[in-house]
Amino acid sequence: MIHVDGSFGEGGGQILRTALALAALTGQGVHISRIRAGRTPPGLAAQHLSGVRALARLCQARVTGDEIRSTELTFVPKIPARPGRHLLDVEALSGRGSAGSTTLLLQTVLWPLAYAPAPSHLVLRGGTHVAWSPPYDYVEGVFLPTVARMGLHASCHLVRWGFYPAGGGEMEVRLEPVSGTLSPLVLEERGAIQAVRGRGVASNLPSHIPQRMVNRARNVLVQAGLPVHLTPLRVSGRGPGAGLFLTVQYERALAGFAALGARGKPSERVADEACEQLLAHHRSGLPVDPYLADQLLIPMALAQGTSHFHTTCVTRHLLTNAHVIRGFLDCTIQVEGAEGEPGRVVVEGVGWRRRG
């Protein structure tokens, strides 16, 4: 049994997701204490509980502590994750809340299923574009294309938009099993910029809202000398919501940035928030944005060989994820640079292969 302190570092849900994913992948039982001690209120929220129960179903795991607001959890997988078609609904799995993040739920089950012996088709229902989680656009436009370079082949499709608090969104993911081992990834240089693509979206709101977001973003980015291709989009959903979602493509790297609307928040301010993040990254000259950096650690730790990259910011999420991964895998993760500053990460992977 591996013991994980859920209050370490950033003390949030990422500790839980990484620990569960690696427990299922390696077949090791895990006991997590002080879950989300750094959050108010602490303990399991609906989206975290849905991840626990989804992975427990896939691995026929023995679980204790899987209830809302629980701060302790024991998870012991009995079998490797079962591939196939799976419906993973945040509301159904947790018994409450329909806007829990589908992309964070995907983070929990992705790597155990990637090493299953057959393909999987996942239908994930909940929030597709919610705060404090990667929006669907980031998964499709940045994360999956980047890990595809390592040998993970997956595609996704947005069926329905789901904004907080109503949720009701749906995304599908088709996942092919890893053949042999993942290849290492080097992201030291990003090359010249090729395009900034994205969309301003409004759900159940007037059409002028996405148009205003796109107009403002286009003006800001063109003034900065960037090639821009943006589209306004009005959609229907369970509830209202809005956001601007941007992907910047360089010759050898991808990065993504987003901002969400809120009641009383001008469309122009939404656009400014997303553009400020993108421009700060662009001016840094570095390839890996701070959101991708911590998501690359698991596949790099599993890969055969040495991966390394430069990131615009060493975040507490990155440092925390590295700490948890070292508890499960005999890998080396070196983070050069102070928290909050640009840095370099070097990972010596273990060359993980499918169990059985």
Protein backbone atom coordinates (compact mmCIF):
# COMPACT_ATOMS: atom_id res chain seq x y z
CA MET A 1 0.00 0.00 0.00
CA ILE A 2 1.36 3.36 -1.05
CA HIS A 3 0.50 6.28 1.22
CA VAL A 4 -0.08 9.72 -0.26
CA ASP A 5 -0.52 12.94 1.71
CA GLY A 6 -3.31 14.84 -0.04
CA SER A 7 -2.25 18.10 1.59
CA PHE A 8 1.21 18.13 -0.01
CA GLY A 9 2.11 21.07 -2.25
CA GLU A 10 -0.94 22.58 -3.91
CA GLY A 11 -3.15 20.24 -1.87
CA GLY A 12 -5.86 19.91 -4.51
CA GLY A 13 -7.58 17.35 -6.69
CA GLN A 14 -4.60 16.72 -8.93
CA ILE A 15 -2.93 14.67 -6.20
CA LEU A 16 -5.99 12.42 -6.13
CA ARG A 17 -6.21 12.04 -9.91
CA THR A 18 -2.52 11.24 -10.35
CA ALA A 19 -2.45 8.80 -7.44
CA LEU A 20 -5.54 6.95 -8.65
CA ALA A 21 -4.32 6.78 -12.25
CA LEU A 22 -0.94 5.36 -11.24
CA ALA A 23 -2.46 2.96 -8.71
CA ALA A 24 -4.71 1.55 -11.44
CA LEU A 25 -1.87 1.44 -13.95
CA THR A 26 0.66 -0.26 -11.67
CA GLY A 27 -1.79 -2.44 -9.72
CA GLN A 28 -0.66 -0.98 -6.40
CA GLY A 29 -3.10 -0.12 -3.66
CA VAL A 30 -3.06 3.46 -2.41
CA HIS A 31 -4.24 5.22 0.73
CA ILE A 32 -4.72 8.97 0.39
CA SER A 33 -5.12 11.07 3.53
CA ARG A 34 -6.00 14.74 4.03
CA ILE A 35 -7.62 14.91 0.59
CA ARG A 36 -7.87 18.46 -0.78
CA ALA A 37 -6.79 19.86 2.56
CA GLY A 38 -5.80 23.05 0.76
CA ARG A 39 -9.34 23.72 -0.47
CA THR A 40 -12.50 25.12 1.14
CA PRO A 41 -14.36 22.96 1.87
CA PRO A 42 -11.84 20.09 1.95
CA GLY A 43 -12.48 16.52 0.88
CA LEU A 44 -14.02 14.95 -2.19
CA ALA A 45 -16.34 17.08 -4.32
CA ALA A 46 -18.66 15.59 -6.92
CA GLN A 47 -16.15 15.67 -9.78
CA HIS A 48 -13.47 13.96 -7.65
CA LEU A 49 -15.89 11.30 -6.45
CA SER A 50 -16.94 10.61 -10.03
CA GLY A 51 -13.30 9.93 -10.95
CA VAL A 52 -12.85 7.55 -8.02
CA ARG A 53 -15.97 5.57 -8.89
CA ALA A 54 -15.30 5.54 -12.63
CA LEU A 55 -11.81 4.11 -12.19
CA ALA A 56 -13.01 1.70 -9.50
CA ARG A 57 -15.54 0.33 -11.98
CA LEU A 58 -12.87 -0.09 -14.67
CA CYS A 59 -10.46 -1.89 -12.30
CA GLN A 60 -12.99 -3.68 -10.05
CA ALA A 61 -11.23 -1.90 -7.21
CA ARG A 62 -11.93 -2.25 -3.52
CA VAL A 63 -12.61 1.27 -2.27
CA THR A 64 -13.31 2.81 1.11
CA GLY A 65 -14.01 6.48 1.77
CA ASP A 66 -15.73 7.16 -1.56
CA GLU A 67 -18.28 9.70 -0.42
CA ILE A 68 -18.77 13.45 -0.67
CA ARG A 69 -16.44 15.45 1.64
CA SER A 70 -14.42 12.37 2.60
CA THR A 71 -10.81 13.32 3.37
CA GLU A 72 -9.45 9.75 3.37
CA LEU A 73 -9.61 7.15 0.62
CA THR A 74 -8.29 3.65 0.08
CA PHE A 75 -8.20 2.32 -3.49
CA VAL A 76 -7.02 -1.23 -4.28
CA PRO A 77 -7.38 -2.29 -7.95
CA LYS A 78 -8.08 -5.98 -8.58
CA ILE A 79 -7.54 -6.04 -12.35
CA PRO A 80 -5.99 -3.76 -14.99
CA ALA A 81 -8.42 -1.22 -16.41
CA ARG A 82 -10.95 -2.87 -18.73
CA PRO A 83 -11.06 -1.40 -22.24
CA GLY A 84 -14.24 -1.05 -24.27
CA ARG A 85 -17.13 1.39 -24.47
CA HIS A 86 -17.77 3.22 -21.19
CA LEU A 87 -20.29 5.89 -20.24
CA LEU A 88 -18.82 8.10 -17.50
CA ASP A 89 -21.39 10.59 -16.23
CA VAL A 90 -20.31 12.95 -13.43
CA GLU A 91 -23.84 13.30 -12.08
CA ALA A 92 -24.64 9.58 -12.17
CA LEU A 93 -21.30 8.54 -10.69
CA SER A 94 -21.30 11.05 -7.83
CA GLY A 95 -25.02 11.29 -7.18
CA ARG A 96 -24.92 15.08 -7.42
CA GLY A 97 -23.75 17.93 -9.62
CA SER A 98 -23.71 17.84 -13.39
CA ALA A 99 -21.01 20.45 -14.10
CA GLY A 100 -18.03 18.53 -12.76
CA SER A 101 -15.22 18.62 -15.30
CA THR A 102 -15.23 15.92 -17.98
CA THR A 103 -11.63 16.73 -18.87
CA LEU A 104 -10.44 16.11 -15.31
CA LEU A 105 -12.42 12.87 -15.30
CA LEU A 106 -10.55 11.95 -18.47
CA GLN A 107 -7.22 12.64 -16.74
CA THR A 108 -8.11 10.03 -14.13
CA VAL A 109 -8.89 7.17 -16.54
CA LEU A 110 -6.74 8.03 -19.57
CA TRP A 111 -3.41 6.40 -18.75
CA PRO A 112 -4.77 3.17 -17.21
CA LEU A 113 -6.88 2.66 -20.37
CA ALA A 114 -3.98 3.64 -22.64
CA TYR A 115 -2.15 0.51 -21.49
CA ALA A 116 -5.17 -1.79 -21.84
CA PRO A 117 -4.99 -4.56 -24.47
CA ALA A 118 -7.75 -3.15 -26.70
CA PRO A 119 -9.22 0.21 -27.80
CA SER A 120 -11.68 2.19 -25.70
CA HIS A 121 -14.55 4.50 -26.57
CA LEU A 122 -15.44 6.88 -23.73
CA VAL A 123 -18.56 8.99 -23.44
CA LEU A 124 -17.98 11.61 -20.71
CA ARG A 125 -20.88 13.75 -19.48
CA GLY A 126 -20.68 16.82 -17.27
CA GLY A 127 -18.95 20.18 -17.64
CA THR A 128 -16.90 20.58 -20.80
CA HIS A 129 -15.93 24.22 -20.25
CA VAL A 130 -15.70 25.03 -16.55
CA ALA A 131 -13.31 26.98 -14.34
CA TRP A 132 -10.15 25.43 -12.84
CA SER A 133 -9.93 22.68 -15.45
CA PRO A 134 -8.71 22.36 -19.03
CA PRO A 135 -11.54 23.24 -21.45
CA TYR A 136 -12.44 20.69 -24.10
CA ASP A 137 -10.68 22.88 -26.70
CA TYR A 138 -7.38 22.51 -24.84
CA VAL A 139 -7.61 18.72 -24.76
CA GLU A 140 -8.42 18.56 -28.46
CA GLY A 141 -6.06 21.27 -29.67
CA VAL A 142 -3.03 21.04 -27.38
CA PHE A 143 -2.83 18.03 -25.06
CA LEU A 144 -3.78 15.13 -27.36
CA PRO A 145 -1.70 16.34 -30.35
CA THR A 146 1.32 16.74 -28.06
CA VAL A 147 1.14 13.29 -26.46
CA ALA A 148 0.46 11.80 -29.91
CA ARG A 149 4.11 12.59 -30.63
CA MET A 150 4.96 10.17 -27.81
CA GLY A 151 2.81 7.36 -29.19
CA LEU A 152 -0.61 7.85 -27.57
CA HIS A 153 -3.24 7.86 -30.29
CA ALA A 154 -6.56 9.32 -29.24
CA SER A 155 -9.22 11.51 -30.78
CA CYS A 156 -12.07 13.44 -29.22
CA HIS A 157 -15.38 14.94 -30.29
CA LEU A 158 -17.57 17.52 -28.57
CA VAL A 159 -21.20 16.40 -28.62
CA ARG A 160 -22.76 19.04 -26.34
CA TRP A 161 -21.39 22.13 -24.63
CA GLY A 162 -21.58 22.18 -20.83
CA PHE A 163 -20.83 25.38 -18.93
CA TYR A 164 -20.94 25.84 -15.14
CA PRO A 165 -23.24 25.61 -13.23
CA ALA A 166 -25.78 23.76 -15.39
CA GLY A 167 -23.33 21.35 -17.00
CA GLY A 168 -25.04 18.86 -19.26
CA GLY A 169 -22.16 18.69 -21.71
CA GLU A 170 -20.84 15.61 -23.44
CA MET A 171 -17.56 14.67 -25.10
CA GLU A 172 -16.41 11.42 -26.69
CA VAL A 173 -12.88 10.04 -26.69
CA ARG A 174 -11.60 7.16 -28.79
CA LEU A 175 -8.36 5.70 -27.48
CA GLU A 176 -5.98 3.21 -29.04
CA PRO A 177 -3.72 1.18 -26.71
CA VAL A 178 -0.06 2.11 -26.50
CA SER A 179 2.06 -0.16 -28.65
CA GLY A 180 5.13 -1.19 -26.67
CA THR A 181 6.41 1.88 -24.83
CA LEU A 182 5.90 5.61 -25.20
CA SER A 183 8.68 7.56 -26.87
CA PRO A 184 10.42 10.40 -25.03
CA LEU A 185 9.55 13.97 -25.96
CA VAL A 186 11.87 16.96 -26.28
CA LEU A 187 10.38 20.47 -26.30
CA GLU A 188 13.29 22.86 -25.99
CA GLU A 189 12.58 25.06 -29.04
CA ARG A 190 9.17 26.02 -30.37
CA GLY A 191 10.10 27.53 -33.74
CA ALA A 192 8.25 30.30 -35.54
CA ILE A 193 4.60 31.02 -34.89
CA GLN A 194 2.23 29.67 -37.54
CA ALA A 195 -1.24 30.71 -36.35
CA VAL A 196 -3.50 31.58 -33.46
CA ARG A 197 -6.82 29.77 -33.83
CA GLY A 198 -9.84 29.81 -31.63
CA ARG A 199 -13.47 30.58 -31.04
CA GLY A 200 -15.62 32.83 -28.95
CA VAL A 201 -18.61 30.87 -27.74
CA ALA A 202 -21.90 31.76 -26.09
CA SER A 203 -24.49 29.23 -24.92
CA ASN A 204 -28.11 30.37 -24.64
CA LEU A 205 -27.00 34.00 -24.93
CA PRO A 206 -27.31 36.67 -27.66
CA SER A 207 -25.12 36.32 -30.75
CA HIS A 208 -23.41 39.67 -30.19
CA ILE A 209 -21.54 38.22 -27.17
CA PRO A 210 -19.27 35.78 -29.05
CA GLN A 211 -18.85 38.31 -31.84
CA ARG A 212 -17.63 40.96 -29.40
CA MET A 213 -15.17 38.52 -27.82
CA VAL A 214 -13.78 37.60 -31.21
CA ASN A 215 -13.58 41.20 -32.42
CA ARG A 216 -11.67 42.31 -29.33
CA ALA A 217 -9.29 39.33 -29.39
CA ARG A 218 -8.61 39.76 -33.09
CA ASN A 219 -7.77 43.44 -32.63
CA VAL A 220 -5.43 42.76 -29.69
CA LEU A 221 -3.59 39.86 -31.33
CA VAL A 222 -3.27 41.45 -34.78
CA GLN A 223 -1.87 44.57 -33.16
CA ALA A 224 0.77 42.32 -31.57
CA GLY A 225 1.69 41.04 -35.03
CA LEU A 226 0.20 37.55 -34.72
CA PRO A 227 -1.60 35.64 -37.50
CA VAL A 228 -5.17 35.13 -36.26
CA HIS A 229 -8.08 32.89 -37.29
CA LEU A 230 -11.02 33.29 -34.88
CA THR A 231 -14.67 32.30 -35.17
CA PRO A 232 -17.75 33.43 -33.22
CA LEU A 233 -20.11 30.61 -32.26
CA ARG A 234 -23.53 30.60 -30.63
CA VAL A 235 -24.66 27.25 -29.24
CA SER A 236 -27.52 25.77 -27.25
CA GLY A 237 -26.95 24.04 -23.94
CA ARG A 238 -28.53 23.19 -20.63
CA GLY A 239 -27.67 26.62 -19.28
CA PRO A 240 -26.02 29.92 -20.21
CA GLY A 241 -22.28 30.32 -20.52
CA ALA A 242 -19.58 32.00 -22.57
CA GLY A 243 -15.85 31.88 -23.16
CA LEU A 244 -12.96 32.52 -25.51
CA PHE A 245 -10.70 29.56 -26.31
CA LEU A 246 -7.37 30.10 -28.09
CA THR A 247 -4.73 27.71 -29.45
CA VAL A 248 -1.37 29.01 -30.63
CA GLN A 249 0.57 26.82 -33.04
CA TYR A 250 4.33 27.07 -33.44
CA GLU A 251 6.53 24.97 -35.70
CA ARG A 252 7.35 22.51 -32.93
CA ALA A 253 4.93 23.26 -30.07
CA LEU A 254 1.32 24.02 -29.18
CA ALA A 255 -0.12 26.09 -26.34
CA GLY A 256 -3.63 26.99 -25.24
CA PHE A 257 -5.35 29.73 -23.27
CA ALA A 258 -8.93 30.47 -22.28
CA ALA A 259 -11.15 32.80 -20.30
CA LEU A 260 -14.75 32.25 -19.22
CA GLY A 261 -17.59 34.73 -19.05
CA ALA A 262 -19.65 35.50 -15.97
CA ARG A 263 -22.74 37.52 -15.14
CA GLY A 264 -21.87 41.21 -15.41
CA LYS A 265 -18.47 40.53 -17.01
CA PRO A 266 -18.06 42.37 -20.33
CA SER A 267 -17.23 40.29 -23.39
CA GLU A 268 -14.21 42.51 -24.03
CA ARG A 269 -12.81 41.69 -20.60
CA VAL A 270 -13.12 37.96 -21.31
CA ALA A 271 -11.16 38.45 -24.51
CA ASP A 272 -8.51 40.57 -22.77
CA GLU A 273 -7.93 37.88 -20.11
CA ALA A 274 -7.32 35.13 -22.67
CA CYS A 275 -5.16 37.35 -24.88
CA GLU A 276 -3.01 38.56 -21.98
CA GLN A 277 -2.16 34.96 -21.09
CA LEU A 278 -1.34 34.10 -24.69
CA LEU A 279 0.82 37.18 -25.26
CA ALA A 280 2.77 36.61 -22.04
CA HIS A 281 3.55 33.09 -23.21
CA HIS A 282 4.46 34.27 -26.71
CA ARG A 283 6.86 36.91 -25.42
CA SER A 284 8.65 34.34 -23.23
CA GLY A 285 9.99 32.52 -26.29
CA LEU A 286 9.49 29.18 -24.51
CA PRO A 287 7.55 26.19 -25.89
CA VAL A 288 5.48 24.72 -23.03
CA ASP A 289 2.68 26.63 -21.32
CA PRO A 290 2.19 26.12 -17.57
CA TYR A 291 -0.99 24.06 -18.05
CA LEU A 292 0.65 21.51 -20.32
CA ALA A 293 3.80 21.19 -18.21
CA ASP A 294 2.27 19.23 -15.33
CA GLN A 295 0.13 17.11 -17.70
CA LEU A 296 3.25 15.89 -19.53
CA LEU A 297 4.88 14.42 -16.43
CA ILE A 298 2.95 11.11 -16.35
CA PRO A 299 3.58 10.16 -20.00
CA MET A 300 7.20 11.27 -19.74
CA ALA A 301 7.68 9.17 -16.59
CA LEU A 302 6.20 6.17 -18.42
CA ALA A 303 8.23 6.68 -21.62
CA GLN A 304 11.40 4.85 -22.57
CA GLY A 305 14.26 7.33 -22.35
CA THR A 306 14.89 10.94 -21.40
CA SER A 307 12.32 13.69 -22.03
CA HIS A 308 12.90 17.36 -21.35
CA PHE A 309 11.20 20.70 -21.95
CA HIS A 310 11.27 24.40 -21.13
CA THR A 311 8.14 25.92 -19.59
CA THR A 312 7.11 29.51 -19.05
CA CYS A 313 6.29 28.84 -15.39
CA VAL A 314 7.21 26.24 -12.78
CA THR A 315 3.86 25.93 -11.00
CA ARG A 316 3.01 24.34 -7.69
CA HIS A 317 0.86 21.90 -9.67
CA LEU A 318 3.98 20.81 -11.57
CA LEU A 319 6.03 20.30 -8.41
CA THR A 320 3.20 18.47 -6.67
CA ASN A 321 2.59 16.14 -9.60
CA ALA A 322 6.29 15.28 -9.75
CA HIS A 323 6.25 14.39 -6.04
CA VAL A 324 3.27 12.04 -6.40
CA ILE A 325 4.64 10.31 -9.50
CA ARG A 326 7.97 9.58 -7.80
CA GLY A 327 6.03 7.63 -5.14
CA PHE A 328 4.74 5.14 -7.73
CA LEU A 329 7.41 4.92 -10.42
CA ASP A 330 11.16 4.49 -10.22
CA CYS A 331 11.72 7.46 -12.50
CA THR A 332 13.81 10.60 -12.19
CA ILE A 333 12.11 14.00 -12.46
CA GLN A 334 14.32 17.07 -12.17
CA VAL A 335 12.76 20.53 -12.09
CA GLU A 336 15.21 23.38 -12.67
CA GLY A 337 13.88 26.79 -11.73
CA ALA A 338 12.02 28.43 -8.86
CA GLU A 339 8.28 28.22 -8.39
CA GLY A 340 6.56 30.98 -10.33
CA GLU A 341 9.50 31.43 -12.71
CA PRO A 342 10.43 29.92 -16.09
CA GLY A 343 12.11 26.54 -15.78
CA ARG A 344 13.35 23.35 -17.36
CA VAL A 345 12.14 19.84 -16.61
CA VAL A 346 14.09 16.64 -17.28
CA VAL A 347 12.39 13.24 -16.89
CA GLU A 348 14.09 9.86 -17.12
CA GLY A 349 11.24 7.46 -17.87
CA VAL A 350 10.86 3.84 -16.81
CA GLY A 351 9.81 2.37 -20.18
CA TRP A 352 6.46 1.14 -18.86
CA ARG A 353 4.81 -1.74 -20.70
CA ARG A 354 1.36 -3.22 -20.48
CA ARG A 355 0.82 -5.56 -17.52
CA GLY A 356 -0.01 -9.14 -18.42
